[in-house]
Amino acid sequence: MQNIIVEKEEDAKEIIKFLEEKKAGKATFLPLSKFNNKANDSVEYEKYKNGIISKLIDIKDVEKYVYFPKDIVKVNEKYLGIISVFLDKTLIVENIDIAISVTKKIKGIKVVTLNGELFASTGSITGGYSKKVANILGRKEEIAKLEKEIVSLERKAEEISNEFEDKKAEYILKEKEHSNILNEIYEEKLKIAVKEKEINSLREKVEEISEKIKNINSEIENITKESNEILTNKSIIEEVKEKLVEELEKMNDERLKLKENLNDEDTSSKIEEITEDIMNVKISVASFEESENSIIEILERITSEEKELEERKEKRNTELLEYEKENTNFGQRIEENTSDINKIEEENVEIKELQNEIRKEKEEKQNIIKLLNKTVEENDKKIETNIPVKLSKEQEMFKIELEEENYIENMWNEYQITLNNIDIAEYEEYYIEKGLQVRDIEGNIMSFDIIKAKKMVRDLKSNIKDLGEVDTSIIKEYLNTKERYDYLLNQREDLESSKKSLEKIIREIAFAMEEQFVSRMDIINKNFKEIFVTLFGGRKC
């Protein structure tokens, strides 16, 4: 475990003590009390940034391609000191060309590109392609990530399944509504068919009545025509009758005249002729009277038929009006039913569209569920295949941890050093020179090569033996001397601080005395003039 942040050194001490007691491994601790004084204030940081940018002024649009990690990383102000230590002398740039330009102009800083190339402060460049190494921690993280994904996918699948069930219930309800609407449409269509049949029969009746009215009208016209002809004949007969009556009167007059002359043979023959003519005329008049009576009867019959036809016509017209009224009502009802049918058909179209949408959504959900199930199966297979690998890697990791603990214990027993007090960055050039650095997959230095270091230690031990015996008490003496030196140094700082405060107090007292002296002298001068005038009778000094 690397770089654990604690509040103060005592906390780190307690945790290290606990790790030693439990033999739980080693860790690096970063006490906030040690790092907080290293946080730059905003003014100094801005000066630092402006200084960097001024050195890179030759790079076009430098602010677009050069970034300060401290501006990008957002943390609590409490941890700014630690962030400052790790990121203050680091720049992030767009690409490797800009990184080369930056390292030429500014020395002693670390430059990282967005693609992962690393330009160390020593001048080394790290980059290229590195295959991801699947270690046990990575596999644990991957398994945990896959398990989280499985849980998330299962939850999502459950949500989709619930949503699918809701949509299915909604679809069934809509299907039922659609079926009811179809039944209503069918019933309305049956009603419309019955009404249309009734309307057709009424139309046939109306046409039949109209035909009868036409026939009656034609009969009335014929009767009227016949009546007119009869009236015309009647007037002619009356004229003839009048003429015959006049002739009859004339003949009677002639007969009377002839009776007066009875003795005359010619006259008697004429009387006979006249009498015969009178008889003929009477017969004609009688026939005319009979014709007149028959005409009157015909006229009366025609009049009664006309009345009967008029009554029938009125009755048919009344029936026709009723049929037309009923037809209008049927038309209105048909329009209403047609409007209802149109609305129902529109609703039916909407229901079909909704059904299509539900069907499509159902298919999409089913596809998603299939995909999720497939993903879950793949993840399960991955986990199953990773379990034996995981076990073997855990065994390897356990062996490595044991070896690491043995190495660390040997380092402590033989050299009194731990990984915590080895500053890799401080001796980076030395590690590069000796080939001791071990980098992670991102190219960052994470530790040193233990095997090479062990060989170097053996060589150094032999060199130390060649130097002769070393007095180990010197270390204790050095620590005592250093402690004494630190104590005296602190006393010196306190004395200098006291000296500065005393000098400040002396300056303030001297300034106050000078001011008081000047003010008193002004008062003395003023009073002296007045006393001098009084003593010497108005003379001036």
Protein backbone atom coordinates (compact mmCIF):
# COMPACT_ATOMS: atom_id res chain seq x y z
CA MET A 1 0.00 0.00 0.00
CA GLN A 2 1.45 3.39 -0.99
CA ASN A 3 1.12 6.98 0.32
CA ILE A 4 -1.44 6.87 3.15
CA ILE A 5 -2.33 10.35 4.43
CA VAL A 6 -2.44 10.79 8.23
CA GLU A 7 -2.95 13.86 10.43
CA LYS A 8 0.41 13.90 12.23
CA GLU A 9 3.60 11.92 12.77
CA GLU A 10 2.30 10.34 15.98
CA ASP A 11 -0.54 8.73 13.99
CA ALA A 12 1.95 7.26 11.52
CA LYS A 13 4.05 6.04 14.46
CA GLU A 14 1.06 4.27 16.04
CA ILE A 15 0.04 2.62 12.74
CA ILE A 16 3.62 1.46 12.05
CA LYS A 17 3.77 0.04 15.58
CA PHE A 18 0.49 -1.78 14.94
CA LEU A 19 1.75 -3.16 11.60
CA GLU A 20 4.94 -4.40 13.29
CA GLU A 21 2.99 -6.08 16.09
CA LYS A 22 0.52 -7.74 13.72
CA LYS A 23 3.17 -8.38 11.05
CA ALA A 24 0.65 -6.93 8.56
CA GLY A 25 3.17 -5.58 6.09
CA LYS A 26 4.57 -2.13 5.46
CA ALA A 27 3.14 1.14 4.19
CA THR A 28 4.17 4.70 3.37
CA PHE A 29 2.57 7.50 5.39
CA LEU A 30 2.27 11.20 4.58
CA PRO A 31 1.69 13.29 7.77
CA LEU A 32 -0.26 16.46 7.01
CA SER A 33 1.68 18.28 9.73
CA LYS A 34 4.86 17.83 7.67
CA PHE A 35 3.37 18.91 4.34
CA ASN A 36 1.02 21.77 5.18
CA ASN A 37 3.89 24.26 5.46
CA LYS A 38 4.92 23.29 1.90
CA ALA A 39 1.69 24.55 0.31
CA ASN A 40 2.37 27.62 -1.82
CA ASP A 41 0.06 30.55 -1.41
CA SER A 42 -1.88 31.76 -4.44
CA VAL A 43 0.43 34.75 -5.09
CA GLU A 44 3.60 32.62 -5.16
CA TYR A 45 1.87 29.98 -7.27
CA GLU A 46 0.74 32.58 -9.81
CA LYS A 47 4.30 33.94 -9.93
CA TYR A 48 5.57 30.39 -10.54
CA LYS A 49 3.02 29.85 -13.34
CA ASN A 50 3.78 33.21 -14.96
CA GLY A 51 7.51 32.41 -14.78
CA ILE A 52 6.95 29.07 -16.54
CA ILE A 53 4.72 30.64 -19.22
CA SER A 54 7.19 33.50 -19.80
CA LYS A 55 9.93 30.93 -20.46
CA LEU A 56 7.66 29.15 -22.95
CA ILE A 57 6.51 32.32 -24.71
CA ASP A 58 8.02 31.07 -28.00
CA ILE A 59 5.46 28.24 -28.12
CA LYS A 60 2.35 29.44 -29.98
CA ASP A 61 -0.83 29.36 -27.85
CA VAL A 62 1.19 28.00 -24.93
CA GLU A 63 -1.78 28.23 -22.54
CA LYS A 64 -3.78 25.89 -24.82
CA TYR A 65 -1.11 23.17 -24.90
CA VAL A 66 0.59 23.40 -21.48
CA TYR A 67 -1.35 22.58 -18.30
CA PHE A 68 -0.52 22.80 -14.62
CA PRO A 69 -1.66 19.64 -12.76
CA LYS A 70 -2.36 21.61 -9.60
CA ASP A 71 -5.06 23.54 -11.52
CA ILE A 72 -6.59 20.34 -12.87
CA VAL A 73 -6.59 18.25 -9.68
CA LYS A 74 -9.36 19.42 -7.35
CA VAL A 75 -8.88 18.47 -3.68
CA ASN A 76 -9.76 19.76 -0.25
CA GLU A 77 -7.54 22.66 0.85
CA LYS A 78 -6.40 20.41 3.68
CA TYR A 79 -4.36 18.32 1.20
CA LEU A 80 -2.87 21.16 -0.88
CA GLY A 81 0.53 20.73 0.79
CA ILE A 82 0.80 17.10 -0.32
CA ILE A 83 -0.47 17.96 -3.82
CA SER A 84 2.12 20.76 -4.01
CA VAL A 85 4.96 18.35 -3.14
CA PHE A 86 3.90 15.81 -5.77
CA LEU A 87 2.71 18.10 -8.59
CA ASP A 88 4.42 21.51 -8.26
CA LYS A 89 7.34 20.60 -10.51
CA THR A 90 5.24 18.72 -13.06
CA LEU A 91 3.70 19.96 -16.33
CA ILE A 92 1.14 18.30 -18.60
CA VAL A 93 1.50 19.03 -22.34
CA GLU A 94 -0.48 18.19 -25.47
CA ASN A 95 2.08 15.99 -27.28
CA ILE A 96 5.70 14.83 -27.35
CA ASP A 97 6.90 17.68 -29.62
CA ILE A 98 5.74 20.31 -27.14
CA ALA A 99 7.27 18.23 -24.32
CA ILE A 100 10.68 18.31 -26.06
CA SER A 101 10.40 22.10 -26.53
CA VAL A 102 9.47 22.56 -22.86
CA THR A 103 12.33 20.39 -21.51
CA LYS A 104 14.81 22.33 -23.67
CA LYS A 105 13.70 25.64 -22.17
CA ILE A 106 13.10 24.57 -18.53
CA LYS A 107 15.35 22.23 -16.55
CA GLY A 108 14.57 20.26 -13.41
CA ILE A 109 10.86 19.62 -14.00
CA LYS A 110 8.86 16.53 -14.92
CA VAL A 111 6.78 16.73 -18.15
CA VAL A 112 3.96 14.32 -19.00
CA THR A 113 2.09 14.18 -22.34
CA LEU A 114 -1.57 13.33 -22.82
CA ASN A 115 -0.49 10.08 -24.54
CA GLY A 116 1.51 8.98 -21.48
CA GLU A 117 5.11 9.85 -22.47
CA LEU A 118 7.18 10.86 -19.41
CA PHE A 119 10.12 13.31 -19.47
CA ALA A 120 11.86 12.97 -16.07
CA SER A 121 13.71 15.83 -14.41
CA THR A 122 16.95 13.85 -14.95
CA GLY A 123 16.48 13.97 -18.74
CA SER A 124 15.23 10.41 -19.25
CA ILE A 125 12.27 9.86 -21.60
CA THR A 126 9.79 7.04 -21.13
CA GLY A 127 7.18 6.15 -23.74
CA GLY A 128 5.96 3.68 -26.31
CA TYR A 129 3.53 0.80 -26.00
CA SER A 130 3.32 -1.35 -22.93
CA LYS A 131 1.07 -4.34 -22.71
CA LYS A 132 -1.14 -4.29 -19.67
CA VAL A 133 0.14 -6.70 -17.06
CA ALA A 134 -2.63 -8.60 -15.39
CA ASN A 135 -1.55 -8.79 -11.74
CA ILE A 136 -3.61 -10.08 -8.87
CA LEU A 137 -4.70 -6.60 -7.79
CA GLY A 138 -5.76 -5.79 -11.32
CA ARG A 139 -7.70 -9.03 -11.53
CA LYS A 140 -9.33 -8.34 -8.18
CA GLU A 141 -10.34 -4.91 -9.40
CA GLU A 142 -11.56 -6.39 -12.68
CA ILE A 143 -13.57 -9.08 -10.86
CA ALA A 144 -15.03 -6.48 -8.49
CA LYS A 145 -15.84 -4.26 -11.46
CA LEU A 146 -17.45 -7.17 -13.31
CA GLU A 147 -19.45 -8.11 -10.21
CA LYS A 148 -20.65 -4.51 -9.93
CA GLU A 149 -21.53 -4.54 -13.62
CA ILE A 150 -23.42 -7.83 -13.14
CA VAL A 151 -25.36 -6.37 -10.21
CA SER A 152 -26.05 -3.22 -12.23
CA LEU A 153 -27.07 -5.24 -15.29
CA GLU A 154 -29.26 -7.55 -13.21
CA ARG A 155 -30.91 -4.50 -11.62
CA LYS A 156 -31.34 -2.98 -15.06
CA ALA A 157 -32.72 -6.27 -16.41
CA GLU A 158 -35.16 -6.42 -13.48
CA GLU A 159 -36.23 -2.83 -14.15
CA ILE A 160 -36.68 -3.61 -17.84
CA SER A 161 -38.58 -6.80 -16.95
CA ASN A 162 -40.88 -4.86 -14.60
CA GLU A 163 -41.32 -2.19 -17.24
CA PHE A 164 -42.01 -4.94 -19.78
CA GLU A 165 -44.66 -6.47 -17.48
CA ASP A 166 -46.26 -3.04 -17.03
CA LYS A 167 -46.24 -2.52 -20.80
CA LYS A 168 -47.62 -6.03 -21.27
CA ALA A 169 -50.48 -5.33 -18.82
CA GLU A 170 -51.08 -2.01 -20.56
CA TYR A 171 -51.03 -3.81 -23.92
CA ILE A 172 -53.57 -6.40 -22.68
CA LEU A 173 -55.79 -3.58 -21.39
CA LYS A 174 -55.49 -1.77 -24.73
CA GLU A 175 -56.23 -5.03 -26.56
CA LYS A 176 -59.39 -5.45 -24.46
CA GLU A 177 -60.37 -1.83 -25.14
CA HIS A 178 -59.63 -2.37 -28.82
CA SER A 179 -61.79 -5.53 -28.84
CA ASN A 180 -64.63 -3.65 -27.13
CA ILE A 181 -64.31 -0.81 -29.65
CA LEU A 182 -64.34 -3.32 -32.53
CA ASN A 183 -67.51 -4.89 -31.09
CA GLU A 184 -69.06 -1.43 -30.79
CA ILE A 185 -68.05 -0.68 -34.39
CA TYR A 186 -69.57 -4.00 -35.52
CA GLU A 187 -72.83 -3.26 -33.66
CA GLU A 188 -72.94 0.27 -35.07
CA LYS A 189 -72.33 -1.10 -38.56
CA LEU A 190 -75.20 -3.57 -38.07
CA LYS A 191 -77.45 -0.72 -36.92
CA ILE A 192 -76.35 1.37 -39.90
CA ALA A 193 -77.04 -1.57 -42.25
CA VAL A 194 -80.56 -1.94 -40.78
CA LYS A 195 -81.15 1.80 -41.05
CA GLU A 196 -79.82 1.84 -44.60
CA LYS A 197 -82.20 -1.00 -45.43
CA GLU A 198 -85.09 0.97 -43.91
CA ILE A 199 -83.97 4.08 -45.80
CA ASN A 200 -83.83 2.11 -49.05
CA SER A 201 -87.34 0.76 -48.43
CA LEU A 202 -88.54 4.28 -47.60
CA ARG A 203 -86.88 5.56 -50.75
CA GLU A 204 -88.66 2.86 -52.75
CA LYS A 205 -91.95 3.85 -51.11
CA VAL A 206 -91.22 7.52 -51.81
CA GLU A 207 -90.45 6.68 -55.42
CA GLU A 208 -93.62 4.57 -55.62
CA ILE A 209 -95.71 7.40 -54.10
CA SER A 210 -94.02 9.90 -56.41
CA GLU A 211 -94.90 7.65 -59.35
CA LYS A 212 -98.49 7.38 -58.13
CA ILE A 213 -98.63 11.17 -57.71
CA LYS A 214 -97.35 11.52 -61.25
CA ASN A 215 -100.05 9.10 -62.47
CA ILE A 216 -102.72 10.95 -60.49
CA ASN A 217 -101.50 14.26 -61.88
CA SER A 218 -101.63 12.82 -65.39
CA GLU A 219 -105.14 11.45 -64.71
CA ILE A 220 -106.18 14.87 -63.37
CA GLU A 221 -104.77 16.46 -66.47
CA ASN A 222 -106.66 13.96 -68.67
CA ILE A 223 -109.89 14.48 -66.73
CA THR A 224 -109.39 18.22 -66.84
CA LYS A 225 -108.84 17.93 -70.55
CA GLU A 226 -111.92 15.75 -70.96
CA SER A 227 -113.89 18.13 -68.76
CA ASN A 228 -112.80 21.04 -70.89
CA GLU A 229 -113.79 19.12 -74.01
CA ILE A 230 -117.16 18.24 -72.46
CA LEU A 231 -117.69 21.84 -71.44
CA THR A 232 -116.82 22.87 -74.96
CA ASN A 233 -119.27 20.29 -76.36
CA LYS A 234 -121.87 21.44 -73.84
CA SER A 235 -121.61 25.02 -75.03
CA ILE A 236 -121.86 23.83 -78.63
CA ILE A 237 -124.91 21.70 -77.77
CA GLU A 238 -126.51 24.62 -75.97
CA GLU A 239 -125.93 26.80 -79.00
CA VAL A 240 -127.41 24.11 -81.25
CA LYS A 241 -130.26 23.66 -78.77
CA GLU A 242 -130.93 27.37 -78.80
CA LYS A 243 -130.91 27.37 -82.59
CA LEU A 244 -133.24 24.35 -82.62
CA VAL A 245 -135.53 26.02 -80.11
CA GLU A 246 -135.58 29.10 -82.28
CA GLU A 247 -136.28 26.98 -85.36
CA LEU A 248 -138.96 25.11 -83.38
CA GLU A 249 -140.57 28.38 -82.44
CA LYS A 250 -140.36 29.50 -86.02
CA MET A 251 -141.87 26.22 -87.13
CA ASN A 252 -144.64 26.55 -84.58
CA ASP A 253 -145.31 30.00 -85.82
CA GLU A 254 -145.36 28.72 -89.36
CA ARG A 255 -147.59 25.82 -88.30
CA LEU A 256 -150.02 28.22 -86.68
CA LYS A 257 -150.01 30.29 -89.78
CA LEU A 258 -150.51 27.20 -91.84
CA LYS A 259 -153.37 26.09 -89.60
CA GLU A 260 -155.11 29.19 -90.50
CA ASN A 261 -154.88 28.13 -94.09
CA LEU A 262 -155.91 24.44 -93.61
CA ASN A 263 -157.84 24.25 -96.81
CA ASP A 264 -154.92 24.70 -98.92
CA GLU A 265 -153.32 21.30 -99.95
CA ASP A 266 -149.95 22.75 -100.36
CA THR A 267 -150.24 24.17 -96.95
CA SER A 268 -151.29 20.83 -95.46
CA SER A 269 -148.37 19.15 -97.08
CA LYS A 270 -146.15 21.85 -95.70
CA ILE A 271 -147.73 21.41 -92.28
CA GLU A 272 -146.95 17.76 -92.38
CA GLU A 273 -143.44 18.52 -93.42
CA ILE A 274 -143.14 21.12 -90.72
CA THR A 275 -144.69 18.78 -88.16
CA GLU A 276 -142.24 16.13 -89.20
CA ASP A 277 -139.46 18.65 -88.91
CA ILE A 278 -140.75 19.69 -85.51
CA MET A 279 -140.77 16.09 -84.42
CA ASN A 280 -137.24 15.70 -85.66
CA VAL A 281 -136.27 18.88 -83.89
CA LYS A 282 -137.92 17.68 -80.67
CA ILE A 283 -136.15 14.40 -81.01
CA SER A 284 -132.91 16.30 -81.53
CA VAL A 285 -133.69 18.53 -78.57
CA ALA A 286 -134.48 15.49 -76.44
CA SER A 287 -131.29 13.83 -77.56
CA PHE A 288 -129.46 17.03 -76.80
CA GLU A 289 -131.07 17.15 -73.37
CA GLU A 290 -130.05 13.56 -72.77
CA SER A 291 -126.56 14.44 -73.93
CA GLU A 292 -126.59 17.43 -71.60
CA ASN A 293 -127.72 15.25 -68.71
CA SER A 294 -125.02 12.73 -69.51
CA ILE A 295 -122.48 15.56 -69.73
CA ILE A 296 -123.64 16.87 -66.36
CA GLU A 297 -123.33 13.39 -64.91
CA ILE A 298 -119.86 13.07 -66.44
CA LEU A 299 -118.92 16.49 -65.06
CA GLU A 300 -120.20 15.52 -61.63
CA ARG A 301 -118.33 12.24 -61.86
CA ILE A 302 -115.15 14.10 -62.99
CA THR A 303 -115.59 16.61 -60.17
CA SER A 304 -115.95 13.83 -57.59
CA GLU A 305 -112.95 12.02 -59.10
CA GLU A 306 -110.99 15.28 -58.99
CA LYS A 307 -111.89 15.71 -55.33
CA GLU A 308 -110.96 12.10 -54.65
CA LEU A 309 -107.71 12.51 -56.56
CA GLU A 310 -106.95 15.76 -54.69
CA GLU A 311 -107.58 14.00 -51.39
CA ARG A 312 -105.38 11.11 -52.48
CA LYS A 313 -102.77 13.63 -53.65
CA GLU A 314 -102.86 15.49 -50.34
CA LYS A 315 -102.65 12.19 -48.48
CA ARG A 316 -99.70 11.10 -50.64
CA ASN A 317 -98.04 14.51 -50.17
CA THR A 318 -98.51 14.20 -46.41
CA GLU A 319 -97.02 10.70 -46.51
CA LEU A 320 -94.23 12.02 -48.73
CA LEU A 321 -93.49 14.85 -46.28
CA GLU A 322 -93.45 12.37 -43.42
CA TYR A 323 -91.18 10.08 -45.39
CA GLU A 324 -88.91 13.02 -46.28
CA LYS A 325 -88.87 14.14 -42.64
CA GLU A 326 -88.09 10.60 -41.56
CA ASN A 327 -85.46 10.40 -44.30
CA THR A 328 -83.90 13.65 -43.00
CA ASN A 329 -83.88 12.22 -39.48
CA PHE A 330 -82.32 9.05 -40.83
CA GLY A 331 -79.75 11.19 -42.67
CA GLN A 332 -78.89 13.06 -39.48
CA ARG A 333 -78.64 9.81 -37.57
CA ILE A 334 -76.48 8.38 -40.36
CA GLU A 335 -74.21 11.45 -40.17
CA GLU A 336 -74.02 11.10 -36.39
CA ASN A 337 -73.28 7.39 -36.71
CA THR A 338 -70.75 8.13 -39.47
CA SER A 339 -69.08 10.73 -37.20
CA ASP A 340 -69.03 8.20 -34.35
CA ILE A 341 -67.60 5.58 -36.71
CA ASN A 342 -64.92 8.03 -37.89
CA LYS A 343 -64.01 8.81 -34.29
CA ILE A 344 -63.93 5.11 -33.45
CA GLU A 345 -61.80 4.43 -36.55
CA GLU A 346 -59.42 7.26 -35.53
CA GLU A 347 -59.22 5.76 -32.04
CA ASN A 348 -58.68 2.39 -33.68
CA VAL A 349 -55.80 3.85 -35.74
CA GLU A 350 -54.31 5.39 -32.58
CA ILE A 351 -54.70 2.07 -30.77
CA LYS A 352 -53.00 0.28 -33.67
CA GLU A 353 -50.16 2.83 -33.60
CA LEU A 354 -49.89 2.38 -29.84
CA GLN A 355 -49.90 -1.38 -30.34
CA ASN A 356 -47.12 -1.04 -32.91
CA GLU A 357 -45.13 1.20 -30.55
CA ILE A 358 -45.68 -1.23 -27.66
CA ARG A 359 -44.69 -4.12 -29.95
CA LYS A 360 -41.54 -2.29 -31.08
CA GLU A 361 -40.71 -1.29 -27.51
CA LYS A 362 -41.37 -4.87 -26.43
CA GLU A 363 -38.98 -6.15 -29.11
CA GLU A 364 -36.37 -3.55 -28.08
CA LYS A 365 -36.74 -4.51 -24.42
CA GLN A 366 -36.50 -8.19 -25.32
CA ASN A 367 -33.35 -7.47 -27.36
CA ILE A 368 -31.88 -5.50 -24.43
CA ILE A 369 -32.78 -8.32 -22.03
CA LYS A 370 -31.16 -10.84 -24.41
CA LEU A 371 -28.08 -8.61 -24.66
CA LEU A 372 -27.97 -8.18 -20.88
CA ASN A 373 -28.40 -11.92 -20.35
CA LYS A 374 -25.63 -12.55 -22.88
CA THR A 375 -23.40 -10.00 -21.11
CA VAL A 376 -24.18 -11.58 -17.73
CA GLU A 377 -23.38 -15.03 -19.15
CA GLU A 378 -20.11 -13.73 -20.64
CA ASN A 379 -19.21 -12.08 -17.33
CA ASP A 380 -20.08 -15.30 -15.48
CA LYS A 381 -17.85 -17.23 -17.90
CA LYS A 382 -15.07 -14.66 -17.41
CA ILE A 383 -15.42 -14.96 -13.64
CA GLU A 384 -15.44 -18.77 -13.87
CA THR A 385 -12.33 -18.73 -16.07
CA ASN A 386 -10.68 -16.13 -13.81
CA ILE A 387 -11.32 -18.08 -10.58
CA PRO A 388 -8.49 -20.65 -11.09
CA VAL A 389 -6.23 -17.88 -12.44
CA LYS A 390 -7.19 -15.80 -9.41
CA LEU A 391 -6.33 -18.65 -7.04
CA SER A 392 -2.98 -19.28 -8.71
CA LYS A 393 -2.20 -15.55 -8.76
CA GLU A 394 -3.18 -15.26 -5.10
CA GLN A 395 -0.78 -18.10 -4.32
CA GLU A 396 1.94 -16.36 -6.34
CA MET A 397 1.09 -13.09 -4.60
CA PHE A 398 1.32 -14.78 -1.22
CA LYS A 399 4.77 -16.13 -2.12
CA ILE A 400 5.86 -12.70 -3.39
CA GLU A 401 4.58 -11.03 -0.22
CA LEU A 402 6.50 -13.56 1.89
CA GLU A 403 9.65 -12.91 -0.14
CA GLU A 404 9.08 -9.15 0.13
CA GLU A 405 8.65 -9.40 3.91
CA ASN A 406 11.82 -11.48 4.12
CA TYR A 407 13.73 -8.91 2.03
CA ILE A 408 12.38 -6.04 4.11
CA GLU A 409 13.18 -7.87 7.36
CA ASN A 410 16.72 -8.59 6.13
CA MET A 411 17.13 -4.90 5.13
CA TRP A 412 16.07 -3.87 8.60
CA ASN A 413 18.15 -6.51 10.41
CA GLU A 414 21.29 -5.95 8.35
CA TYR A 415 21.13 -2.25 7.37
CA GLN A 416 18.55 -0.70 9.74
CA ILE A 417 16.61 0.79 6.77
CA THR A 418 13.01 0.45 5.57
CA LEU A 419 11.24 1.23 2.32
CA ASN A 420 9.60 4.19 4.06
CA ASN A 421 12.86 6.07 4.52
CA ILE A 422 14.11 5.39 0.96
CA ASP A 423 13.40 8.41 -1.21
CA ILE A 424 13.33 7.00 -4.74
CA ALA A 425 13.01 10.40 -6.41
CA GLU A 426 16.04 11.73 -4.48
CA TYR A 427 18.34 9.06 -5.93
CA GLU A 428 16.64 8.75 -9.31
CA GLU A 429 19.82 9.53 -11.29
CA TYR A 430 21.72 6.92 -9.31
CA TYR A 431 18.99 4.30 -9.93
CA ILE A 432 18.96 5.12 -13.65
CA GLU A 433 22.74 4.86 -13.77
CA LYS A 434 22.73 1.49 -11.96
CA GLY A 435 19.54 0.23 -13.66
CA LEU A 436 17.72 -0.27 -10.35
CA GLN A 437 14.42 1.47 -11.09
CA VAL A 438 11.22 -0.54 -11.56
CA ARG A 439 8.40 1.25 -13.38
CA ASP A 440 4.65 0.62 -13.47
CA ILE A 441 2.55 0.19 -16.64
CA GLU A 442 2.24 3.98 -16.96
CA GLY A 443 6.01 4.47 -16.85
CA ASN A 444 6.16 5.90 -13.31
CA ILE A 445 8.95 4.76 -10.95
CA MET A 446 7.34 2.66 -8.22
CA SER A 447 10.26 0.74 -6.61
CA PHE A 448 13.77 -0.56 -7.29
CA ASP A 449 15.14 -3.88 -8.44
CA ILE A 450 15.73 -5.91 -5.26
CA ILE A 451 18.00 -8.52 -6.91
CA LYS A 452 20.36 -5.95 -8.42
CA ALA A 453 20.27 -3.96 -5.21
CA LYS A 454 21.14 -7.10 -3.22
CA LYS A 455 24.14 -7.76 -5.47
CA MET A 456 25.25 -4.13 -5.07
CA VAL A 457 24.83 -4.44 -1.29
CA ARG A 458 27.07 -7.51 -1.26
CA ASP A 459 29.70 -5.60 -3.24
CA LEU A 460 29.38 -2.62 -0.93
CA LYS A 461 29.62 -4.86 2.15
CA SER A 462 32.85 -6.33 0.85
CA ASN A 463 34.15 -2.80 0.21
CA ILE A 464 33.09 -1.79 3.74
CA LYS A 465 34.91 -4.80 5.18
CA ASP A 466 37.98 -3.74 3.23
CA LEU A 467 37.72 -0.34 4.95
CA GLY A 468 37.99 -1.96 8.38
CA GLU A 469 35.94 -1.80 11.57
CA VAL A 470 33.31 0.94 11.91
CA ASP A 471 32.44 2.41 15.31
CA THR A 472 28.62 2.08 15.52
CA SER A 473 28.54 4.44 18.52
CA ILE A 474 29.29 7.27 16.09
CA ILE A 475 25.66 7.06 14.89
CA LYS A 476 24.39 7.54 18.45
CA GLU A 477 26.92 10.33 19.00
CA TYR A 478 25.82 11.92 15.72
CA LEU A 479 22.19 11.74 16.80
CA ASN A 480 23.02 13.32 20.18
CA THR A 481 25.11 16.02 18.50
CA LYS A 482 22.35 16.65 15.94
CA GLU A 483 19.78 16.87 18.72
CA ARG A 484 22.06 19.32 20.60
CA TYR A 485 22.62 21.27 17.39
CA ASP A 486 18.88 21.44 16.67
CA TYR A 487 18.27 22.59 20.26
CA LEU A 488 20.93 25.31 20.02
CA LEU A 489 19.65 26.27 16.57
CA ASN A 490 16.13 26.68 17.98
CA GLN A 491 17.59 28.73 20.88
CA ARG A 492 19.47 30.86 18.39
CA GLU A 493 16.29 31.45 16.43
CA ASP A 494 14.48 32.34 19.68
CA LEU A 495 17.31 34.72 20.68
CA GLU A 496 17.28 36.36 17.26
CA SER A 497 13.53 36.72 17.50
CA SER A 498 13.87 38.20 21.02
CA LYS A 499 16.65 40.47 19.80
CA LYS A 500 14.46 41.73 16.97
CA SER A 501 11.54 42.33 19.33
CA LEU A 502 13.84 44.17 21.84
CA GLU A 503 15.32 46.30 19.06
CA LYS A 504 11.81 47.14 17.96
CA ILE A 505 10.83 48.06 21.55
CA ILE A 506 14.01 50.22 21.93
CA ARG A 507 13.22 51.99 18.65
CA GLU A 508 9.67 52.61 19.78
CA ILE A 509 10.88 53.93 23.22
CA ALA A 510 13.51 56.18 21.60
CA PHE A 511 10.91 57.51 19.19
CA ALA A 512 8.47 58.14 22.07
CA MET A 513 11.24 59.83 24.17
CA GLU A 514 12.20 62.03 21.27
CA GLU A 515 8.60 63.06 20.69
CA GLN A 516 8.11 63.74 24.42
CA PHE A 517 11.40 65.71 24.61
CA VAL A 518 10.42 67.89 21.65
CA SER A 519 6.96 68.57 23.09
CA ARG A 520 8.42 69.44 26.53
CA MET A 521 11.04 71.74 24.98
CA ASP A 522 8.27 73.55 23.10
CA ILE A 523 6.41 74.07 26.38
CA ILE A 524 9.64 75.24 28.17
CA ASN A 525 10.44 77.73 25.37
CA LYS A 526 6.94 79.14 25.51
CA ASN A 527 6.95 79.46 29.33
CA PHE A 528 10.53 80.80 29.36
CA LYS A 529 9.56 83.73 27.12
CA GLU A 530 6.66 84.63 29.37
CA ILE A 531 8.76 84.39 32.58
CA PHE A 532 11.63 86.36 31.01
CA VAL A 533 9.28 89.19 30.07
CA THR A 534 7.84 89.21 33.59
CA LEU A 535 11.28 89.16 35.31
CA PHE A 536 12.92 91.79 33.18
CA GLY A 537 10.06 94.18 32.79
CA GLY A 538 8.98 93.56 29.23
CA ARG A 539 12.39 92.97 27.73
CA LYS A 540 12.82 90.22 25.21
CA CYS A 541 15.42 87.56 25.35
